[in-house]
């Protein structure tokens, strides 16, 4: 009889542990899917109201089971993004990371190899944190030279193949050459262009979202 109490105590402890694990699993199951957007001025909504940007439109399209975190900063480079990302991963624990960086590297004429190395670090860090990754590519104006533009473009395709991640080849497809959809600087899209940007992203993003929480009716 003197061993009965320890045995009962262990059984009670195991029962409580089972209840705690069950509760933790239920909380995890009900937690929203988090989408982290790491971008530059295009995703930060430069020159327009932030709630008009494509990331805000994405947030409005999704239901409450998906949380969108926009960590985009105007002027951001791939080096800056690679530096900031680890803290953001620890803070938000994203399920999906959208990488929209590289444009400022190109505008500054930085080596494509450097951009590739920085984006590779971000992809690896995101995947190691358990997140799915999608690349949102940007193209450089032809006045930078065809060789540079081609090398710049190949970075995104090379990374998509290497890490088996989906790619939007050119986020501004259907927008960049339409003066009515671009701001006067010729670099940033207008508010009217934002739904098109979201339409460019959506086919790549939708398959990454959990099926019961794909989207609310617009």
C-alpha atoms as a PDB file:
ATOM      1  CA  UNK A   1       0.000   0.000   0.000  1.00  0.00           C
ATOM      2  CA  UNK A   2       2.873   2.367   0.610  1.00  0.00           C
ATOM      3  CA  UNK A   3       3.537   2.482  -3.167  1.00  0.00           C
ATOM      4  CA  UNK A   4      -0.081   3.230  -4.122  1.00  0.00           C
ATOM      5  CA  UNK A   5       0.174   6.977  -3.720  1.00  0.00           C
ATOM      6  CA  UNK A   6       3.199   7.404  -6.021  1.00  0.00           C
ATOM      7  CA  UNK A   7       1.492   5.226  -8.654  1.00  0.00           C
ATOM      8  CA  UNK A   8      -1.734   7.259  -8.442  1.00  0.00           C
ATOM      9  CA  UNK A   9       0.271  10.474  -8.568  1.00  0.00           C
ATOM     10  CA  UNK A  10       1.978   9.350 -11.723  1.00  0.00           C
ATOM     11  CA  UNK A  11      -1.347   8.426 -13.283  1.00  0.00           C
ATOM     12  CA  UNK A  12      -2.789  11.828 -12.391  1.00  0.00           C
ATOM     13  CA  UNK A  13       0.306  13.531 -13.778  1.00  0.00           C
ATOM     14  CA  UNK A  14       0.030  11.590 -17.024  1.00  0.00           C
ATOM     15  CA  UNK A  15      -3.661  12.450 -17.266  1.00  0.00           C
ATOM     16  CA  UNK A  16      -2.937  16.153 -16.816  1.00  0.00           C
ATOM     17  CA  UNK A  17      -0.110  15.952 -19.310  1.00  0.00           C
ATOM     18  CA  UNK A  18      -2.453  14.381 -21.842  1.00  0.00           C
ATOM     19  CA  UNK A  19      -5.016  17.113 -21.282  1.00  0.00           C
ATOM     20  CA  UNK A  20      -2.347  19.814 -21.631  1.00  0.00           C
ATOM     21  CA  UNK A  21      -1.015  18.344 -24.858  1.00  0.00           C
ATOM     22  CA  UNK A  22      -4.525  18.057 -26.234  1.00  0.00           C
ATOM     23  CA  UNK A  23      -5.246  21.675 -25.383  1.00  0.00           C
ATOM     24  CA  UNK A  24      -1.961  22.794 -26.942  1.00  0.00           C
ATOM     25  CA  UNK A  25      -2.743  20.889 -30.130  1.00  0.00           C
ATOM     26  CA  UNK A  26      -6.206  22.418 -30.266  1.00  0.00           C
ATOM     27  CA  UNK A  27      -4.765  25.911 -29.913  1.00  0.00           C
ATOM     28  CA  UNK A  28      -2.217  25.203 -32.638  1.00  0.00           C
ATOM     29  CA  UNK A  29      -4.927  23.824 -34.917  1.00  0.00           C
ATOM     30  CA  UNK A  30      -7.009  26.974 -34.442  1.00  0.00           C
ATOM     31  CA  UNK A  31      -4.096  29.377 -34.861  1.00  0.00           C
ATOM     32  CA  UNK A  32      -4.261  31.458 -38.034  1.00  0.00           C
ATOM     33  CA  UNK A  33      -1.989  30.736 -40.962  1.00  0.00           C
ATOM     34  CA  UNK A  34       0.532  33.585 -41.034  1.00  0.00           C
ATOM     35  CA  UNK A  35       1.781  35.043 -44.311  1.00  0.00           C
ATOM     36  CA  UNK A  36       4.886  37.230 -43.957  1.00  0.00           C
ATOM     37  CA  UNK A  37       5.611  39.624 -46.825  1.00  0.00           C
ATOM     38  CA  UNK A  38       9.242  40.739 -47.057  1.00  0.00           C
ATOM     39  CA  UNK A  39       9.421  43.418 -49.695  1.00  0.00           C
ATOM     40  CA  UNK A  40      10.509  46.894 -50.667  1.00  0.00           C
ATOM     41  CA  UNK A  41       8.562  50.015 -51.683  1.00  0.00           C
ATOM     42  CA  UNK A  42       6.392  48.096 -54.154  1.00  0.00           C
ATOM     43  CA  UNK A  43       4.933  45.986 -51.344  1.00  0.00           C
ATOM     44  CA  UNK A  44       5.115  48.807 -48.793  1.00  0.00           C
ATOM     45  CA  UNK A  45       2.747  50.875 -50.951  1.00  0.00           C
ATOM     46  CA  UNK A  46       5.063  53.759 -51.777  1.00  0.00           C
ATOM     47  CA  UNK A  47       3.225  56.862 -52.982  1.00  0.00           C
ATOM     48  CA  UNK A  48      -0.241  55.525 -52.175  1.00  0.00           C
ATOM     49  CA  UNK A  49      -2.264  54.908 -49.028  1.00  0.00           C
ATOM     50  CA  UNK A  50      -1.002  51.720 -47.374  1.00  0.00           C
ATOM     51  CA  UNK A  51      -4.495  50.235 -47.345  1.00  0.00           C
ATOM     52  CA  UNK A  52      -4.573  50.536 -51.145  1.00  0.00           C
ATOM     53  CA  UNK A  53      -1.484  48.380 -51.659  1.00  0.00           C
ATOM     54  CA  UNK A  54      -1.599  44.850 -52.991  1.00  0.00           C
ATOM     55  CA  UNK A  55      -0.658  43.396 -49.594  1.00  0.00           C
ATOM     56  CA  UNK A  56      -3.622  45.168 -47.958  1.00  0.00           C
ATOM     57  CA  UNK A  57      -5.848  43.890 -50.767  1.00  0.00           C
ATOM     58  CA  UNK A  58      -4.543  40.383 -50.092  1.00  0.00           C
ATOM     59  CA  UNK A  59      -5.391  40.741 -46.416  1.00  0.00           C
ATOM     60  CA  UNK A  60      -8.906  41.857 -47.357  1.00  0.00           C
ATOM     61  CA  UNK A  61      -9.349  38.917 -49.737  1.00  0.00           C
ATOM     62  CA  UNK A  62      -8.490  36.306 -47.081  1.00  0.00           C
ATOM     63  CA  UNK A  63     -10.690  35.332 -44.168  1.00  0.00           C
ATOM     64  CA  UNK A  64      -9.830  35.482 -40.468  1.00  0.00           C
ATOM     65  CA  UNK A  65      -8.062  32.125 -40.565  1.00  0.00           C
ATOM     66  CA  UNK A  66      -5.140  33.785 -42.384  1.00  0.00           C
ATOM     67  CA  UNK A  67      -3.054  36.591 -40.903  1.00  0.00           C
ATOM     68  CA  UNK A  68      -0.981  38.805 -43.207  1.00  0.00           C
ATOM     69  CA  UNK A  69       2.095  40.554 -41.808  1.00  0.00           C
ATOM     70  CA  UNK A  70       3.585  43.202 -44.090  1.00  0.00           C
ATOM     71  CA  UNK A  71       7.229  43.704 -43.122  1.00  0.00           C
ATOM     72  CA  UNK A  72       8.073  45.593 -46.326  1.00  0.00           C
ATOM     73  CA  UNK A  73      10.188  48.755 -46.156  1.00  0.00           C
ATOM     74  CA  UNK A  74      10.742  51.317 -48.897  1.00  0.00           C
ATOM     75  CA  UNK A  75      14.341  51.248 -50.088  1.00  0.00           C
ATOM     76  CA  UNK A  76      14.992  47.776 -48.705  1.00  0.00           C
ATOM     77  CA  UNK A  77      17.713  45.684 -50.334  1.00  0.00           C
ATOM     78  CA  UNK A  78      18.253  41.947 -50.153  1.00  0.00           C
ATOM     79  CA  UNK A  79      21.084  42.572 -47.659  1.00  0.00           C
ATOM     80  CA  UNK A  80      18.741  44.526 -45.388  1.00  0.00           C
ATOM     81  CA  UNK A  81      16.040  41.894 -45.707  1.00  0.00           C
ATOM     82  CA  UNK A  82      18.456  39.084 -44.892  1.00  0.00           C
ATOM     83  CA  UNK A  83      19.510  40.968 -41.761  1.00  0.00           C
ATOM     84  CA  UNK A  84      15.956  41.632 -40.574  1.00  0.00           C
ATOM     85  CA  UNK A  85      14.401  38.280 -41.406  1.00  0.00           C
ATOM     86  CA  UNK A  86      15.656  36.111 -38.500  1.00  0.00           C
ATOM     87  CA  UNK A  87      14.018  38.374 -35.904  1.00  0.00           C
ATOM     88  CA  UNK A  88      10.789  38.465 -37.911  1.00  0.00           C
ATOM     89  CA  UNK A  89      10.727  34.682 -38.146  1.00  0.00           C
ATOM     90  CA  UNK A  90      11.113  34.383 -34.381  1.00  0.00           C
ATOM     91  CA  UNK A  91       8.478  37.049 -33.753  1.00  0.00           C
ATOM     92  CA  UNK A  92       5.746  35.949 -36.165  1.00  0.00           C
ATOM     93  CA  UNK A  93       6.434  32.225 -36.814  1.00  0.00           C
ATOM     94  CA  UNK A  94       5.105  32.526 -40.381  1.00  0.00           C
ATOM     95  CA  UNK A  95       3.731  29.579 -42.298  1.00  0.00           C
ATOM     96  CA  UNK A  96       4.385  31.298 -45.638  1.00  0.00           C
ATOM     97  CA  UNK A  97       7.046  33.850 -46.568  1.00  0.00           C
ATOM     98  CA  UNK A  98       6.712  35.958 -49.726  1.00  0.00           C
ATOM     99  CA  UNK A  99      10.065  37.415 -50.779  1.00  0.00           C
ATOM    100  CA  UNK A 100       9.710  40.534 -52.946  1.00  0.00           C
ATOM    101  CA  UNK A 101      13.225  41.936 -52.873  1.00  0.00           C
ATOM    102  CA  UNK A 102      15.979  42.698 -55.347  1.00  0.00           C
ATOM    103  CA  UNK A 103      14.632  45.768 -57.112  1.00  0.00           C
ATOM    104  CA  UNK A 104      16.757  48.184 -55.102  1.00  0.00           C
ATOM    105  CA  UNK A 105      19.807  45.983 -55.581  1.00  0.00           C
ATOM    106  CA  UNK A 106      19.285  46.309 -59.312  1.00  0.00           C
ATOM    107  CA  UNK A 107      18.656  50.060 -59.254  1.00  0.00           C
ATOM    108  CA  UNK A 108      21.942  50.460 -57.381  1.00  0.00           C
ATOM    109  CA  UNK A 109      23.755  48.249 -59.853  1.00  0.00           C
ATOM    110  CA  UNK A 110      24.808  45.755 -57.182  1.00  0.00           C
ATOM    111  CA  UNK A 111      26.239  42.426 -58.351  1.00  0.00           C
ATOM    112  CA  UNK A 112      23.518  39.841 -59.109  1.00  0.00           C
ATOM    113  CA  UNK A 113      25.654  37.220 -57.332  1.00  0.00           C
ATOM    114  CA  UNK A 114      25.366  39.229 -54.126  1.00  0.00           C
ATOM    115  CA  UNK A 115      21.604  39.485 -54.516  1.00  0.00           C
ATOM    116  CA  UNK A 116      21.395  35.740 -55.125  1.00  0.00           C
ATOM    117  CA  UNK A 117      23.415  34.958 -51.995  1.00  0.00           C
ATOM    118  CA  UNK A 118      21.209  37.190 -49.839  1.00  0.00           C
ATOM    119  CA  UNK A 119      17.974  35.749 -51.204  1.00  0.00           C
ATOM    120  CA  UNK A 120      19.354  32.235 -50.736  1.00  0.00           C
ATOM    121  CA  UNK A 121      20.025  33.015 -47.063  1.00  0.00           C
ATOM    122  CA  UNK A 122      16.436  34.213 -46.683  1.00  0.00           C
ATOM    123  CA  UNK A 123      14.962  31.169 -48.375  1.00  0.00           C
ATOM    124  CA  UNK A 124      17.048  28.798 -46.257  1.00  0.00           C
ATOM    125  CA  UNK A 125      16.224  30.626 -43.018  1.00  0.00           C
ATOM    126  CA  UNK A 126      12.511  30.581 -43.836  1.00  0.00           C
ATOM    127  CA  UNK A 127      12.484  26.912 -44.753  1.00  0.00           C
ATOM    128  CA  UNK A 128      14.483  25.974 -41.664  1.00  0.00           C
ATOM    129  CA  UNK A 129      11.838  27.808 -39.620  1.00  0.00           C
ATOM    130  CA  UNK A 130       9.188  25.594 -41.218  1.00  0.00           C
ATOM    131  CA  UNK A 131       7.761  28.173 -43.625  1.00  0.00           C
ATOM    132  CA  UNK A 132       6.858  27.731 -47.269  1.00  0.00           C
ATOM    133  CA  UNK A 133       8.487  30.308 -49.531  1.00  0.00           C
ATOM    134  CA  UNK A 134       7.494  32.031 -52.759  1.00  0.00           C
ATOM    135  CA  UNK A 135       9.656  34.413 -54.779  1.00  0.00           C
ATOM    136  CA  UNK A 136       8.154  37.537 -56.321  1.00  0.00           C
ATOM    137  CA  UNK A 137      10.524  38.599 -59.069  1.00  0.00           C
ATOM    138  CA  UNK A 138      11.312  42.058 -60.388  1.00  0.00           C
ATOM    139  CA  UNK A 139      12.927  43.094 -63.656  1.00  0.00           C
ATOM    140  CA  UNK A 140      15.386  45.916 -64.269  1.00  0.00           C
ATOM    141  CA  UNK A 141      14.771  48.604 -66.936  1.00  0.00           C
ATOM    142  CA  UNK A 142      16.675  47.971 -70.189  1.00  0.00           C
ATOM    143  CA  UNK A 143      18.796  51.111 -69.773  1.00  0.00           C
ATOM    144  CA  UNK A 144      20.889  49.137 -67.259  1.00  0.00           C
ATOM    145  CA  UNK A 145      22.171  47.018 -70.118  1.00  0.00           C
ATOM    146  CA  UNK A 146      20.879  43.738 -71.521  1.00  0.00           C
ATOM    147  CA  UNK A 147      23.616  41.621 -69.954  1.00  0.00           C
ATOM    148  CA  UNK A 148      22.910  42.963 -66.474  1.00  0.00           C
ATOM    149  CA  UNK A 149      19.136  42.668 -66.939  1.00  0.00           C
ATOM    150  CA  UNK A 150      19.482  39.046 -68.068  1.00  0.00           C
ATOM    151  CA  UNK A 151      21.791  38.150 -65.163  1.00  0.00           C
ATOM    152  CA  UNK A 152      19.397  39.849 -62.749  1.00  0.00           C
ATOM    153  CA  UNK A 153      16.402  37.944 -64.105  1.00  0.00           C
ATOM    154  CA  UNK A 154      18.215  34.610 -63.971  1.00  0.00           C
ATOM    155  CA  UNK A 155      18.789  34.986 -60.224  1.00  0.00           C
ATOM    156  CA  UNK A 156      15.115  34.419 -59.453  1.00  0.00           C
ATOM    157  CA  UNK A 157      14.763  31.444 -61.807  1.00  0.00           C
ATOM    158  CA  UNK A 158      17.965  29.874 -60.507  1.00  0.00           C
ATOM    159  CA  UNK A 159      16.827  30.177 -56.886  1.00  0.00           C
ATOM    160  CA  UNK A 160      13.343  28.879 -57.659  1.00  0.00           C
ATOM    161  CA  UNK A 161      14.863  25.775 -59.270  1.00  0.00           C
ATOM    162  CA  UNK A 162      17.519  25.274 -56.597  1.00  0.00           C
ATOM    163  CA  UNK A 163      15.141  25.480 -53.641  1.00  0.00           C
ATOM    164  CA  UNK A 164      12.020  24.195 -55.409  1.00  0.00           C
ATOM    165  CA  UNK A 165       9.968  27.279 -54.551  1.00  0.00           C
ATOM    166  CA  UNK A 166       7.230  28.862 -56.681  1.00  0.00           C
ATOM    167  CA  UNK A 167       8.074  32.022 -58.582  1.00  0.00           C
ATOM    168  CA  UNK A 168       6.212  35.029 -59.922  1.00  0.00           C
ATOM    169  CA  UNK A 169       8.695  35.943 -62.689  1.00  0.00           C
ATOM    170  CA  UNK A 170       7.723  39.631 -62.789  1.00  0.00           C
ATOM    171  CA  UNK A 171       5.470  41.156 -60.149  1.00  0.00           C
ATOM    172  CA  UNK A 172       4.751  44.176 -62.351  1.00  0.00           C
ATOM    173  CA  UNK A 173       3.689  42.106 -65.367  1.00  0.00           C
ATOM    174  CA  UNK A 174       0.950  43.994 -67.223  1.00  0.00           C
ATOM    175  CA  UNK A 175       1.698  47.142 -65.225  1.00  0.00           C
ATOM    176  CA  UNK A 176       5.275  48.319 -65.818  1.00  0.00           C
ATOM    177  CA  UNK A 177       4.766  49.258 -69.488  1.00  0.00           C
ATOM    178  CA  UNK A 178       1.399  50.910 -68.915  1.00  0.00           C
ATOM    179  CA  UNK A 179       2.033  54.577 -68.125  1.00  0.00           C
ATOM    180  CA  UNK A 180      -1.476  54.980 -66.718  1.00  0.00           C
ATOM    181  CA  UNK A 181      -0.691  52.375 -64.040  1.00  0.00           C
ATOM    182  CA  UNK A 182       2.697  53.781 -63.050  1.00  0.00           C
ATOM    183  CA  UNK A 183       3.518  56.791 -60.904  1.00  0.00           C
ATOM    184  CA  UNK A 184       5.440  59.687 -62.401  1.00  0.00           C
ATOM    185  CA  UNK A 185       8.770  58.208 -61.298  1.00  0.00           C
ATOM    186  CA  UNK A 186       8.224  55.274 -63.668  1.00  0.00           C
ATOM    187  CA  UNK A 187       9.178  52.821 -60.921  1.00  0.00           C
ATOM    188  CA  UNK A 188       6.226  52.532 -58.555  1.00  0.00           C
ATOM    189  CA  UNK A 189       2.733  51.374 -59.514  1.00  0.00           C
ATOM    190  CA  UNK A 190      -0.331  53.494 -58.815  1.00  0.00           C
ATOM    191  CA  UNK A 191      -3.228  52.560 -56.559  1.00  0.00           C
ATOM    192  CA  UNK A 192      -5.169  51.501 -59.664  1.00  0.00           C
ATOM    193  CA  UNK A 193      -2.448  48.950 -60.473  1.00  0.00           C
ATOM    194  CA  UNK A 194      -2.569  47.163 -57.125  1.00  0.00           C
ATOM    195  CA  UNK A 195      -5.365  44.690 -57.971  1.00  0.00           C
ATOM    196  CA  UNK A 196      -3.289  43.556 -60.957  1.00  0.00           C
ATOM    197  CA  UNK A 197      -0.276  42.995 -58.712  1.00  0.00           C
ATOM    198  CA  UNK A 198      -2.411  40.851 -56.433  1.00  0.00           C
ATOM    199  CA  UNK A 199      -3.709  38.928 -59.446  1.00  0.00           C
ATOM    200  CA  UNK A 200      -0.074  38.248 -60.420  1.00  0.00           C
ATOM    201  CA  UNK A 201       0.713  36.898 -56.944  1.00  0.00           C
ATOM    202  CA  UNK A 202      -2.477  34.944 -56.291  1.00  0.00           C
ATOM    203  CA  UNK A 203      -1.897  31.892 -58.551  1.00  0.00           C
ATOM    204  CA  UNK A 204       1.420  31.265 -56.778  1.00  0.00           C
ATOM    205  CA  UNK A 205       0.174  31.973 -53.266  1.00  0.00           C
ATOM    206  CA  UNK A 206      -3.181  30.180 -53.332  1.00  0.00           C
ATOM    207  CA  UNK A 207      -1.742  26.629 -53.519  1.00  0.00           C
ATOM    208  CA  UNK A 208       0.372  27.354 -50.420  1.00  0.00           C
ATOM    209  CA  UNK A 209      -2.647  28.270 -48.305  1.00  0.00           C
ATOM    210  CA  UNK A 210      -4.546  25.609 -46.360  1.00  0.00           C
ATOM    211  CA  UNK A 211      -7.526  24.548 -48.413  1.00  0.00           C
ATOM    212  CA  UNK A 212     -10.231  25.229 -45.768  1.00  0.00           C
ATOM    213  CA  UNK A 213      -8.947  28.794 -45.466  1.00  0.00           C
ATOM    214  CA  UNK A 214      -8.223  29.707 -49.056  1.00  0.00           C
ATOM    215  CA  UNK A 215     -10.217  32.898 -49.339  1.00  0.00           C
ATOM    216  CA  UNK A 216     -13.390  34.657 -48.377  1.00  0.00           C
ATOM    217  CA  UNK A 217     -15.754  35.910 -51.009  1.00  0.00           C
ATOM    218  CA  UNK A 218     -14.725  39.297 -52.362  1.00  0.00           C
END
